[in-house]
Amino acid sequence: MVHHPRFHFHFVPTSSSWLIQVERWFKEITDQRIRGEAYRSELELIGAVKLYIERYNKVPTPFIWRATADGILS
């Protein structure tokens, strides 16, 4: 593995369901706010993400885990 000062690998167990929830959150932002838009700058993109988070936090809804252990293992 090539060493790069900006990147650090962190290995977590595959059973880390919290990580799946984090990935799901980023999918929500991507699908509902980022994809399909054109941003003229990084600051404009950051502003759009912050606005999405502000609006989401006004009426937050939890992610509900619906997968079963059998379904995941198969």
Protein backbone atom coordinates (compact mmCIF):
# COMPACT_ATOMS: atom_id res chain seq x y z
CA MET A 1 0.00 0.00 0.00
CA VAL A 2 1.37 3.38 -1.00
CA HIS A 3 1.56 5.90 1.84
CA HIS A 4 -0.27 9.15 1.26
CA PRO A 5 -0.27 11.82 4.00
CA ARG A 6 -3.87 12.93 3.38
CA PHE A 7 -5.46 9.51 3.52
CA HIS A 8 -5.65 7.11 6.44
CA PHE A 9 -7.29 3.71 6.29
CA HIS A 10 -9.64 2.79 9.10
CA PHE A 11 -10.89 -0.76 9.20
CA VAL A 12 -14.21 -1.40 10.91
CA PRO A 13 -16.01 -4.69 11.38
CA THR A 14 -18.43 -5.60 8.60
CA SER A 15 -21.10 -5.90 11.27
CA SER A 16 -20.97 -2.16 12.00
CA SER A 17 -24.60 -1.33 11.32
CA TRP A 18 -23.99 2.31 12.29
CA LEU A 19 -21.70 2.63 9.27
CA ILE A 20 -24.48 1.44 7.00
CA GLN A 21 -26.72 4.16 8.46
CA VAL A 22 -24.07 6.80 7.73
CA GLU A 23 -23.79 5.55 4.14
CA ARG A 24 -27.59 5.66 3.86
CA TRP A 25 -27.60 9.29 5.06
CA PHE A 26 -25.11 10.28 2.36
CA LYS A 27 -27.26 8.48 -0.22
CA GLU A 28 -30.26 10.58 0.89
CA ILE A 29 -28.34 13.84 0.46
CA THR A 30 -27.01 12.69 -2.91
CA ASP A 31 -30.39 11.56 -4.24
CA GLN A 32 -32.48 14.42 -2.89
CA ARG A 33 -30.15 17.40 -3.19
CA ILE A 34 -26.91 16.88 -5.09
CA ARG A 35 -27.59 14.61 -8.07
CA GLY A 36 -28.99 16.35 -11.11
CA GLU A 37 -27.86 19.80 -10.03
CA ALA A 38 -25.06 21.95 -11.41
CA TYR A 39 -23.00 23.87 -8.87
CA ARG A 40 -20.72 26.66 -10.00
CA SER A 41 -18.39 26.38 -7.02
CA GLU A 42 -17.53 24.29 -4.00
CA LEU A 43 -19.06 26.96 -1.76
CA GLU A 44 -22.35 26.73 -3.65
CA LEU A 45 -22.38 22.94 -3.15
CA ILE A 46 -21.59 23.30 0.56
CA GLY A 47 -24.41 25.83 0.90
CA ALA A 48 -26.86 23.44 -0.78
CA VAL A 49 -25.89 20.60 1.56
CA LYS A 50 -26.17 22.84 4.63
CA LEU A 51 -29.60 24.03 3.53
CA TYR A 52 -30.73 20.43 3.03
CA ILE A 53 -29.53 19.52 6.53
CA GLU A 54 -31.27 22.54 8.09
CA ARG A 55 -34.56 21.64 6.40
CA TYR A 56 -34.21 17.95 7.27
CA ASN A 57 -33.51 18.73 10.92
CA LYS A 58 -36.74 20.74 11.23
CA VAL A 59 -38.75 17.52 10.76
CA PRO A 60 -36.28 14.68 11.24
CA THR A 61 -37.31 11.12 10.56
CA PRO A 62 -35.29 8.15 11.78
CA PHE A 63 -33.96 5.50 9.47
CA ILE A 64 -35.74 2.26 10.25
CA TRP A 65 -33.75 -0.93 9.92
CA ARG A 66 -35.87 -3.40 7.97
CA ALA A 67 -33.28 -5.96 6.94
CA THR A 68 -33.28 -9.32 8.66
CA ALA A 69 -30.14 -11.18 9.63
CA ASP A 70 -31.13 -14.05 7.29
CA GLY A 71 -31.61 -11.67 4.40
CA ILE A 72 -28.25 -10.01 4.98
CA LEU A 73 -26.41 -13.33 5.25
CA SER A 74 -27.97 -14.69 2.08
